[in-house]
Amino acid sequence: MKYRKKPVVIEAQKLTDFNYRDLAEWCNGVARAREDNFEPYVTIYTLEGTMKADLGDYIIKGVKGEFYPCKPDIFEATYDGLS
């Protein structure tokens, strides 16, 4: 059987050198801004465990208010931008 993803509008932000602290705050307490050898990243605490978002990754706010990271190639293949 084949399935099509339902058209759902999500919120997402791309992780950069400049917004990683703000992005962690946007995640309502389930994420922490961190650095390793001056390379920023964000850890996100999910039901599946702790996940890491690296520079260039997207952090998605899901339909139930959950947050999780997504690699850019997967994000761009899955989502279209809205104006």
PDB file of N, CA and C in Angstrom:
ATOM      1  N   MET A   1       0.829  -1.186   0.000  1.00  0.00           N
ATOM      2  CA  MET A   1       0.000   0.000   0.000  1.00  0.00           C
ATOM      3  C   MET A   1       0.870   1.245   0.000  1.00  0.00           C
ATOM      4  N   LYS A   2       0.373   2.303  -0.597  1.00  0.00           N
ATOM      5  CA  LYS A   2       1.074   3.579  -0.613  1.00  0.00           C
ATOM      6  C   LYS A   2       0.286   4.593   0.194  1.00  0.00           C
ATOM      7  N   TYR A   3       1.011   5.559   0.765  1.00  0.00           N
ATOM      8  CA  TYR A   3       0.394   6.606   1.564  1.00  0.00           C
ATOM      9  C   TYR A   3       0.951   7.959   1.167  1.00  0.00           C
ATOM     10  N   ARG A   4       0.148   8.988   1.331  1.00  0.00           N
ATOM     11  CA  ARG A   4       0.583  10.361   1.090  1.00  0.00           C
ATOM     12  C   ARG A   4       0.496  11.121   2.403  1.00  0.00           C
ATOM     13  N   LYS A   5       1.508  11.897   2.693  1.00  0.00           N
ATOM     14  CA  LYS A   5       1.517  12.709   3.911  1.00  0.00           C
ATOM     15  C   LYS A   5       0.409  13.754   3.823  1.00  0.00           C
ATOM     16  N   LYS A   6      -0.350  13.928   4.902  1.00  0.00           N
ATOM     17  CA  LYS A   6      -1.416  14.920   4.941  1.00  0.00           C
ATOM     18  C   LYS A   6      -0.818  16.326   4.845  1.00  0.00           C
ATOM     19  N   PRO A   7      -1.519  17.237   4.189  1.00  0.00           N
ATOM     20  CA  PRO A   7      -1.008  18.607   4.115  1.00  0.00           C
ATOM     21  C   PRO A   7      -1.167  19.316   5.460  1.00  0.00           C
ATOM     22  N   VAL A   8      -0.075  19.443   6.173  1.00  0.00           N
ATOM     23  CA  VAL A   8      -0.075  20.060   7.496  1.00  0.00           C
ATOM     24  C   VAL A   8       0.929  21.205   7.477  1.00  0.00           C
ATOM     25  N   VAL A   9       0.539  22.347   8.015  1.00  0.00           N
ATOM     26  CA  VAL A   9       1.453  23.478   8.117  1.00  0.00           C
ATOM     27  C   VAL A   9       2.207  23.357   9.438  1.00  0.00           C
ATOM     28  N   ILE A  10       3.539  23.438   9.360  1.00  0.00           N
ATOM     29  CA  ILE A  10       4.379  23.344  10.557  1.00  0.00           C
ATOM     30  C   ILE A  10       5.193  24.630  10.678  1.00  0.00           C
ATOM     31  N   GLU A  11       5.733  24.855  11.864  1.00  0.00           N
ATOM     32  CA  GLU A  11       6.696  25.932  12.071  1.00  0.00           C
ATOM     33  C   GLU A  11       8.075  25.296  12.107  1.00  0.00           C
ATOM     34  N   ALA A  12       9.063  25.969  11.533  1.00  0.00           N
ATOM     35  CA  ALA A  12      10.432  25.466  11.546  1.00  0.00           C
ATOM     36  C   ALA A  12      11.394  26.628  11.424  1.00  0.00           C
ATOM     37  N   GLN A  13      12.591  26.433  11.955  1.00  0.00           N
ATOM     38  CA  GLN A  13      13.648  27.419  11.839  1.00  0.00           C
ATOM     39  C   GLN A  13      14.952  26.701  11.558  1.00  0.00           C
ATOM     40  N   LYS A  14      15.781  27.324  10.723  1.00  0.00           N
ATOM     41  CA  LYS A  14      17.085  26.760  10.377  1.00  0.00           C
ATOM     42  C   LYS A  14      18.121  27.205  11.412  1.00  0.00           C
ATOM     43  N   LEU A  15      18.919  26.274  11.885  1.00  0.00           N
ATOM     44  CA  LEU A  15      19.929  26.539  12.904  1.00  0.00           C
ATOM     45  C   LEU A  15      21.158  27.189  12.268  1.00  0.00           C
ATOM     46  N   THR A  16      21.542  28.358  12.792  1.00  0.00           N
ATOM     47  CA  THR A  16      22.709  29.085  12.288  1.00  0.00           C
ATOM     48  C   THR A  16      23.622  29.455  13.454  1.00  0.00           C
ATOM     49  N   ASP A  17      24.790  29.989  13.101  1.00  0.00           N
ATOM     50  CA  ASP A  17      25.724  30.495  14.116  1.00  0.00           C
ATOM     51  C   ASP A  17      25.089  31.588  14.966  1.00  0.00           C
ATOM     52  N   PHE A  18      24.155  32.309  14.390  1.00  0.00           N
ATOM     53  CA  PHE A  18      23.628  33.503  15.033  1.00  0.00           C
ATOM     54  C   PHE A  18      22.343  33.281  15.836  1.00  0.00           C
ATOM     55  N   ASN A  19      21.603  32.200  15.560  1.00  0.00           N
ATOM     56  CA  ASN A  19      20.298  32.054  16.217  1.00  0.00           C
ATOM     57  C   ASN A  19      20.193  30.853  17.143  1.00  0.00           C
ATOM     58  N   TYR A  20      21.270  30.120  17.379  1.00  0.00           N
ATOM     59  CA  TYR A  20      21.133  28.861  18.111  1.00  0.00           C
ATOM     60  C   TYR A  20      20.633  29.053  19.535  1.00  0.00           C
ATOM     61  N   ARG A  21      21.002  30.146  20.183  1.00  0.00           N
ATOM     62  CA  ARG A  21      20.476  30.384  21.540  1.00  0.00           C
ATOM     63  C   ARG A  21      18.983  30.731  21.504  1.00  0.00           C
ATOM     64  N   ASP A  22      18.600  31.586  20.571  1.00  0.00           N
ATOM     65  CA  ASP A  22      17.185  31.945  20.426  1.00  0.00           C
ATOM     66  C   ASP A  22      16.341  30.732  20.038  1.00  0.00           C
ATOM     67  N   LEU A  23      16.894  29.892  19.178  1.00  0.00           N
ATOM     68  CA  LEU A  23      16.179  28.681  18.759  1.00  0.00           C
ATOM     69  C   LEU A  23      15.936  27.747  19.939  1.00  0.00           C
ATOM     70  N   ALA A  24      16.929  27.601  20.795  1.00  0.00           N
ATOM     71  CA  ALA A  24      16.760  26.752  21.975  1.00  0.00           C
ATOM     72  C   ALA A  24      15.647  27.297  22.868  1.00  0.00           C
ATOM     73  N   GLU A  25      15.581  28.621  23.024  1.00  0.00           N
ATOM     74  CA  GLU A  25      14.502  29.230  23.815  1.00  0.00           C
ATOM     75  C   GLU A  25      13.143  29.017  23.163  1.00  0.00           C
ATOM     76  N   TRP A  26      13.093  29.063  21.826  1.00  0.00           N
ATOM     77  CA  TRP A  26      11.852  28.868  21.083  1.00  0.00           C
ATOM     78  C   TRP A  26      11.244  27.494  21.362  1.00  0.00           C
ATOM     79  N   CYS A  27      12.068  26.545  21.750  1.00  0.00           N
ATOM     80  CA  CYS A  27      11.617  25.166  21.980  1.00  0.00           C
ATOM     81  C   CYS A  27      10.986  24.956  23.361  1.00  0.00           C
ATOM     82  N   ASN A  28      10.621  26.012  24.026  1.00  0.00           N
ATOM     83  CA  ASN A  28       9.846  25.933  25.277  1.00  0.00           C
ATOM     84  C   ASN A  28      10.449  25.027  26.342  1.00  0.00           C
ATOM     85  N   GLY A  29      11.762  25.126  26.550  1.00  0.00           N
ATOM     86  CA  GLY A  29      12.385  24.386  27.640  1.00  0.00           C
ATOM     87  C   GLY A  29      12.800  22.968  27.330  1.00  0.00           C
ATOM     88  N   VAL A  30      12.589  22.471  26.112  1.00  0.00           N
ATOM     89  CA  VAL A  30      12.980  21.092  25.784  1.00  0.00           C
ATOM     90  C   VAL A  30      14.284  21.035  24.981  1.00  0.00           C
ATOM     91  N   ALA A  31      14.981  22.181  24.886  1.00  0.00           N
ATOM     92  CA  ALA A  31      16.231  22.209  24.117  1.00  0.00           C
ATOM     93  C   ALA A  31      17.260  23.053  24.857  1.00  0.00           C
ATOM     94  N   ARG A  32      18.528  22.782  24.575  1.00  0.00           N
ATOM     95  CA  ARG A  32      19.636  23.532  25.165  1.00  0.00           C
ATOM     96  C   ARG A  32      20.619  23.930  24.073  1.00  0.00           C
ATOM     97  N   ALA A  33      21.048  25.196  24.091  1.00  0.00           N
ATOM     98  CA  ALA A  33      22.094  25.671  23.182  1.00  0.00           C
ATOM     99  C   ALA A  33      23.438  25.246  23.759  1.00  0.00           C
ATOM    100  N   ARG A  34      24.296  24.711  22.910  1.00  0.00           N
ATOM    101  CA  ARG A  34      25.597  24.222  23.347  1.00  0.00           C
ATOM    102  C   ARG A  34      26.658  24.567  22.318  1.00  0.00           C
ATOM    103  N   GLU A  35      27.920  24.413  22.728  1.00  0.00           N
ATOM    104  CA  GLU A  35      29.041  24.590  21.817  1.00  0.00           C
ATOM    105  C   GLU A  35      30.061  23.494  22.080  1.00  0.00           C
ATOM    106  N   ASP A  36      30.693  23.043  21.013  1.00  0.00           N
ATOM    107  CA  ASP A  36      31.773  22.065  21.096  1.00  0.00           C
ATOM    108  C   ASP A  36      32.900  22.583  20.204  1.00  0.00           C
ATOM    109  N   ASN A  37      34.013  22.971  20.820  1.00  0.00           N
ATOM    110  CA  ASN A  37      35.119  23.589  20.074  1.00  0.00           C
ATOM    111  C   ASN A  37      34.630  24.783  19.255  1.00  0.00           C
ATOM    112  N   PHE A  38      33.812  25.613  19.882  1.00  0.00           N
ATOM    113  CA  PHE A  38      33.258  26.830  19.277  1.00  0.00           C
ATOM    114  C   PHE A  38      32.272  26.551  18.148  1.00  0.00           C
ATOM    115  N   GLU A  39      31.844  25.318  17.986  1.00  0.00           N
ATOM    116  CA  GLU A  39      30.841  24.945  16.977  1.00  0.00           C
ATOM    117  C   GLU A  39      29.490  24.817  17.689  1.00  0.00           C
ATOM    118  N   PRO A  40      28.545  25.747  17.429  1.00  0.00           N
ATOM    119  CA  PRO A  40      27.254  25.688  18.120  1.00  0.00           C
ATOM    120  C   PRO A  40      26.371  24.546  17.621  1.00  0.00           C
ATOM    121  N   TYR A  41      25.573  24.021  18.535  1.00  0.00           N
ATOM    122  CA  TYR A  41      24.558  23.021  18.211  1.00  0.00           C
ATOM    123  C   TYR A  41      23.472  23.104  19.272  1.00  0.00           C
ATOM    124  N   VAL A  42      22.387  22.403  19.063  1.00  0.00           N
ATOM    125  CA  VAL A  42      21.272  22.396  20.007  1.00  0.00           C
ATOM    126  C   VAL A  42      20.912  20.948  20.316  1.00  0.00           C
ATOM    127  N   THR A  43      20.748  20.640  21.594  1.00  0.00           N
ATOM    128  CA  THR A  43      20.217  19.327  21.967  1.00  0.00           C
ATOM    129  C   THR A  43      18.734  19.490  22.274  1.00  0.00           C
ATOM    130  N   ILE A  44      17.947  18.536  21.791  1.00  0.00           N
ATOM    131  CA  ILE A  44      16.498  18.585  21.957  1.00  0.00           C
ATOM    132  C   ILE A  44      16.069  17.302  22.648  1.00  0.00           C
ATOM    133  N   TYR A  45      15.321  17.450  23.721  1.00  0.00           N
ATOM    134  CA  TYR A  45      14.843  16.299  24.486  1.00  0.00           C
ATOM    135  C   TYR A  45      13.471  15.896  23.952  1.00  0.00           C
ATOM    136  N   THR A  46      13.404  14.717  23.336  1.00  0.00           N
ATOM    137  CA  THR A  46      12.175  14.233  22.709  1.00  0.00           C
ATOM    138  C   THR A  46      11.728  12.946  23.385  1.00  0.00           C
ATOM    139  N   LEU A  47      10.545  12.458  23.023  1.00  0.00           N
ATOM    140  CA  LEU A  47      10.066  11.177  23.553  1.00  0.00           C
ATOM    141  C   LEU A  47      10.962  10.020  23.122  1.00  0.00           C
ATOM    142  N   GLU A  48      11.651  10.188  21.997  1.00  0.00           N
ATOM    143  CA  GLU A  48      12.551   9.143  21.488  1.00  0.00           C
ATOM    144  C   GLU A  48      13.949   9.252  22.077  1.00  0.00           C
ATOM    145  N   GLY A  49      14.206  10.247  22.899  1.00  0.00           N
ATOM    146  CA  GLY A  49      15.518  10.454  23.492  1.00  0.00           C
ATOM    147  C   GLY A  49      16.081  11.809  23.101  1.00  0.00           C
ATOM    148  N   THR A  50      17.322  12.054  23.472  1.00  0.00           N
ATOM    149  CA  THR A  50      17.971  13.318  23.174  1.00  0.00           C
ATOM    150  C   THR A  50      18.478  13.301  21.736  1.00  0.00           C
ATOM    151  N   MET A  51      18.154  14.351  20.993  1.00  0.00           N
ATOM    152  CA  MET A  51      18.585  14.467  19.600  1.00  0.00           C
ATOM    153  C   MET A  51      19.415  15.733  19.448  1.00  0.00           C
ATOM    154  N   LYS A  52      20.338  15.718  18.497  1.00  0.00           N
ATOM    155  CA  LYS A  52      21.235  16.847  18.270  1.00  0.00           C
ATOM    156  C   LYS A  52      20.916  17.505  16.932  1.00  0.00           C
ATOM    157  N   ALA A  53      20.799  18.839  16.953  1.00  0.00           N
ATOM    158  CA  ALA A  53      20.642  19.627  15.731  1.00  0.00           C
ATOM    159  C   ALA A  53      21.945  20.373  15.497  1.00  0.00           C
ATOM    160  N   ASP A  54      22.560  20.149  14.334  1.00  0.00           N
ATOM    161  CA  ASP A  54      23.804  20.805  13.960  1.00  0.00           C
ATOM    162  C   ASP A  54      23.510  22.020  13.093  1.00  0.00           C
ATOM    163  N   LEU A  55      24.541  22.832  12.849  1.00  0.00           N
ATOM    164  CA  LEU A  55      24.386  23.986  11.973  1.00  0.00           C
ATOM    165  C   LEU A  55      23.813  23.540  10.631  1.00  0.00           C
ATOM    166  N   GLY A  56      22.840  24.286  10.131  1.00  0.00           N
ATOM    167  CA  GLY A  56      22.201  23.962   8.865  1.00  0.00           C
ATOM    168  C   GLY A  56      20.975  23.082   8.996  1.00  0.00           C
ATOM    169  N   ASP A  57      20.829  22.370  10.124  1.00  0.00           N
ATOM    170  CA  ASP A  57      19.638  21.556  10.360  1.00  0.00           C
ATOM    171  C   ASP A  57      18.448  22.466  10.646  1.00  0.00           C
ATOM    172  N   TYR A  58      17.267  21.937  10.442  1.00  0.00           N
ATOM    173  CA  TYR A  58      16.041  22.633  10.805  1.00  0.00           C
ATOM    174  C   TYR A  58      15.522  22.057  12.113  1.00  0.00           C
ATOM    175  N   ILE A  59      14.932  22.915  12.914  1.00  0.00           N
ATOM    176  CA  ILE A  59      14.194  22.454  14.089  1.00  0.00           C
ATOM    177  C   ILE A  59      12.730  22.696  13.784  1.00  0.00           C
ATOM    178  N   ILE A  60      11.964  21.619  13.888  1.00  0.00           N
ATOM    179  CA  ILE A  60      10.547  21.645  13.528  1.00  0.00           C
ATOM    180  C   ILE A  60       9.698  21.599  14.788  1.00  0.00           C
ATOM    181  N   LYS A  61       8.649  22.415  14.799  1.00  0.00           N
ATOM    182  CA  LYS A  61       7.618  22.318  15.831  1.00  0.00           C
ATOM    183  C   LYS A  61       6.491  21.526  15.212  1.00  0.00           C
ATOM    184  N   GLY A  62       6.247  20.332  15.740  1.00  0.00           N
ATOM    185  CA  GLY A  62       5.248  19.436  15.178  1.00  0.00           C
ATOM    186  C   GLY A  62       3.821  19.835  15.488  1.00  0.00           C
ATOM    187  N   VAL A  63       2.885  19.064  14.967  1.00  0.00           N
ATOM    188  CA  VAL A  63       1.460  19.387  15.079  1.00  0.00           C
ATOM    189  C   VAL A  63       0.941  19.321  16.514  1.00  0.00           C
ATOM    190  N   LYS A  64       1.642  18.615  17.385  1.00  0.00           N
ATOM    191  CA  LYS A  64       1.226  18.536  18.791  1.00  0.00           C
ATOM    192  C   LYS A  64       2.118  19.375  19.699  1.00  0.00           C
ATOM    193  N   GLY A  65       2.917  20.284  19.098  1.00  0.00           N
ATOM    194  CA  GLY A  65       3.776  21.165  19.879  1.00  0.00           C
ATOM    195  C   GLY A  65       5.128  20.564  20.233  1.00  0.00           C
ATOM    196  N   GLU A  66       5.415  19.386  19.702  1.00  0.00           N
ATOM    197  CA  GLU A  66       6.702  18.741  19.962  1.00  0.00           C
ATOM    198  C   GLU A  66       7.771  19.335  19.048  1.00  0.00           C
ATOM    199  N   PHE A  67       9.024  19.234  19.447  1.00  0.00           N
ATOM    200  CA  PHE A  67      10.139  19.759  18.671  1.00  0.00           C
ATOM    201  C   PHE A  67      11.084  18.627  18.314  1.00  0.00           C
ATOM    202  N   TYR A  68      11.649  18.704  17.112  1.00  0.00           N
ATOM    203  CA  TYR A  68      12.631  17.706  16.698  1.00  0.00           C
ATOM    204  C   TYR A  68      13.477  18.261  15.561  1.00  0.00           C
ATOM    205  N   PRO A  69      14.721  17.781  15.435  1.00  0.00           N
ATOM    206  CA  PRO A  69      15.593  18.250  14.365  1.00  0.00           C
ATOM    207  C   PRO A  69      15.335  17.509  13.064  1.00  0.00           C
ATOM    208  N   CYS A  70      15.713  18.145  11.964  1.00  0.00           N
ATOM    209  CA  CYS A  70      15.563  17.540  10.635  1.00  0.00           C
ATOM    210  C   CYS A  70      16.725  17.998   9.772  1.00  0.00           C
ATOM    211  N   LYS A  71      17.382  17.057   9.101  1.00  0.00           N
ATOM    212  CA  LYS A  71      18.483  17.386   8.202  1.00  0.00           C
ATOM    213  C   LYS A  71      17.954  18.190   7.013  1.00  0.00           C
ATOM    214  N   PRO A  72      18.761  19.123   6.487  1.00  0.00           N
ATOM    215  CA  PRO A  72      18.268  20.010   5.431  1.00  0.00           C
ATOM    216  C   PRO A  72      17.777  19.298   4.174  1.00  0.00           C
ATOM    217  N   ASP A  73      18.439  18.238   3.752  1.00  0.00           N
ATOM    218  CA  ASP A  73      18.001  17.562   2.527  1.00  0.00           C
ATOM    219  C   ASP A  73      16.633  16.913   2.699  1.00  0.00           C
ATOM    220  N   ILE A  74      16.387  16.340   3.869  1.00  0.00           N
ATOM    221  CA  ILE A  74      15.073  15.739   4.160  1.00  0.00           C
ATOM    222  C   ILE A  74      14.011  16.835   4.272  1.00  0.00           C
ATOM    223  N   PHE A  75      14.344  17.921   4.962  1.00  0.00           N
ATOM    224  CA  PHE A  75      13.399  19.025   5.121  1.00  0.00           C
ATOM    225  C   PHE A  75      12.984  19.580   3.768  1.00  0.00           C
ATOM    226  N   GLU A  76      13.976  19.859   2.921  1.00  0.00           N
ATOM    227  CA  GLU A  76      13.680  20.465   1.619  1.00  0.00           C
ATOM    228  C   GLU A  76      12.924  19.518   0.683  1.00  0.00           C
ATOM    229  N   ALA A  77      13.103  18.208   0.855  1.00  0.00           N
ATOM    230  CA  ALA A  77      12.356  17.238   0.041  1.00  0.00           C
ATOM    231  C   ALA A  77      10.928  17.060   0.555  1.00  0.00           C
ATOM    232  N   THR A  78      10.692  17.422   1.813  1.00  0.00           N
ATOM    233  CA  THR A  78       9.399  17.163   2.447  1.00  0.00           C
ATOM    234  C   THR A  78       8.502  18.387   2.509  1.00  0.00           C
ATOM    235  N   TYR A  79       9.089  19.582   2.677  1.00  0.00           N
ATOM    236  CA  TYR A  79       8.306  20.785   2.939  1.00  0.00           C
ATOM    237  C   TYR A  79       8.527  21.846   1.880  1.00  0.00           C
ATOM    238  N   ASP A  80       7.466  22.623   1.591  1.00  0.00           N
ATOM    239  CA  ASP A  80       7.529  23.790   0.732  1.00  0.00           C
ATOM    240  C   ASP A  80       7.345  25.011   1.607  1.00  0.00           C
ATOM    241  N   GLY A  81       8.050  26.086   1.290  1.00  0.00           N
ATOM    242  CA  GLY A  81       7.896  27.332   2.041  1.00  0.00           C
ATOM    243  C   GLY A  81       6.589  28.034   1.714  1.00  0.00           C
ATOM    244  N   LEU A  82       6.024  28.710   2.682  1.00  0.00           N
ATOM    245  CA  LEU A  82       4.813  29.514   2.496  1.00  0.00           C
ATOM    246  C   LEU A  82       5.191  30.974   2.693  1.00  0.00           C
ATOM    247  N   SER A  83       4.497  31.863   2.012  1.00  0.00           N
ATOM    248  CA  SER A  83       4.804  33.276   2.216  1.00  0.00           C
ATOM    249  C   SER A  83       4.045  33.835   3.382  1.00  0.00           C
TER     250      SER A  83
END
